[in-house]
Amino acid sequence: SYGAATDDIQATIELYKEKKINFKDMITHQFPLSKITEGFKLVEQAKESIKVVVNPD
């Protein structure tokens, strides 16, 4: 994330607790740590990704 106001973060937490949003739906791509460069390139292009997650190998 690029950042958010404290009030926005709290509101998001409440929406999540109330099951009104599902963070898993926002994850469009996952990469192992060994392919982190590929993940960064995808984010930089900002065309196909919403949230990119990097997982440990």
Protein backbone atom coordinates (compact mmCIF):
# COMPACT_ATOMS: atom_id res chain seq x y z
CA SER A 1 0.00 0.00 0.00
CA TYR A 2 1.08 3.54 -0.64
CA GLY A 3 -0.45 4.93 2.54
CA ALA A 4 -3.74 5.96 4.02
CA ALA A 5 -5.13 8.20 6.73
CA THR A 6 -5.66 6.62 10.15
CA ASP A 7 -9.44 7.07 9.87
CA ASP A 8 -9.45 5.27 6.52
CA ILE A 9 -7.50 2.36 7.96
CA GLN A 10 -9.91 2.05 10.89
CA ALA A 11 -12.92 2.20 8.55
CA THR A 12 -11.37 -0.53 6.40
CA ILE A 13 -10.80 -2.75 9.43
CA GLU A 14 -14.44 -2.34 10.42
CA LEU A 15 -15.63 -3.24 6.91
CA TYR A 16 -13.45 -6.34 7.01
CA LYS A 17 -14.79 -7.37 10.43
CA GLU A 18 -18.34 -6.95 9.12
CA LYS A 19 -17.42 -9.15 6.12
CA LYS A 20 -18.31 -6.35 3.71
CA ILE A 21 -14.97 -6.59 1.92
CA ASN A 22 -12.74 -9.55 1.13
CA PHE A 23 -9.06 -8.76 0.78
CA LYS A 24 -8.40 -12.01 -1.07
CA ASP A 25 -10.40 -10.66 -4.02
CA MET A 26 -7.92 -7.78 -4.31
CA ILE A 27 -4.85 -10.00 -4.68
CA THR A 28 -4.41 -10.42 -8.40
CA HIS A 29 -0.88 -11.86 -8.46
CA GLN A 30 1.49 -13.75 -6.17
CA PHE A 31 5.21 -14.31 -6.67
CA PRO A 32 7.84 -16.24 -4.74
CA LEU A 33 10.64 -14.11 -3.33
CA SER A 34 12.97 -15.54 -5.97
CA LYS A 35 10.87 -13.79 -8.65
CA ILE A 36 10.39 -10.47 -6.84
CA THR A 37 11.79 -8.53 -9.82
CA GLU A 38 8.99 -9.88 -12.00
CA GLY A 39 6.46 -8.76 -9.39
CA PHE A 40 7.91 -5.26 -9.22
CA LYS A 41 7.81 -4.97 -13.02
CA LEU A 42 4.14 -5.91 -13.00
CA VAL A 43 3.36 -3.28 -10.36
CA GLU A 44 5.39 -0.66 -12.22
CA GLN A 45 3.35 -1.22 -15.39
CA ALA A 46 0.11 -0.73 -13.39
CA LYS A 47 -1.99 -2.41 -16.08
CA GLU A 48 -2.99 -5.86 -14.87
CA SER A 49 -2.46 -5.80 -11.13
CA ILE A 50 -4.43 -4.59 -8.14
CA LYS A 51 -2.38 -6.12 -5.32
CA VAL A 52 0.79 -8.14 -5.78
CA VAL A 53 1.95 -10.36 -2.91
CA VAL A 54 5.49 -11.66 -2.50
CA ASN A 55 5.77 -14.93 -0.61
CA PRO A 56 8.93 -16.44 0.90
CA ASP A 57 10.41 -19.30 -1.13
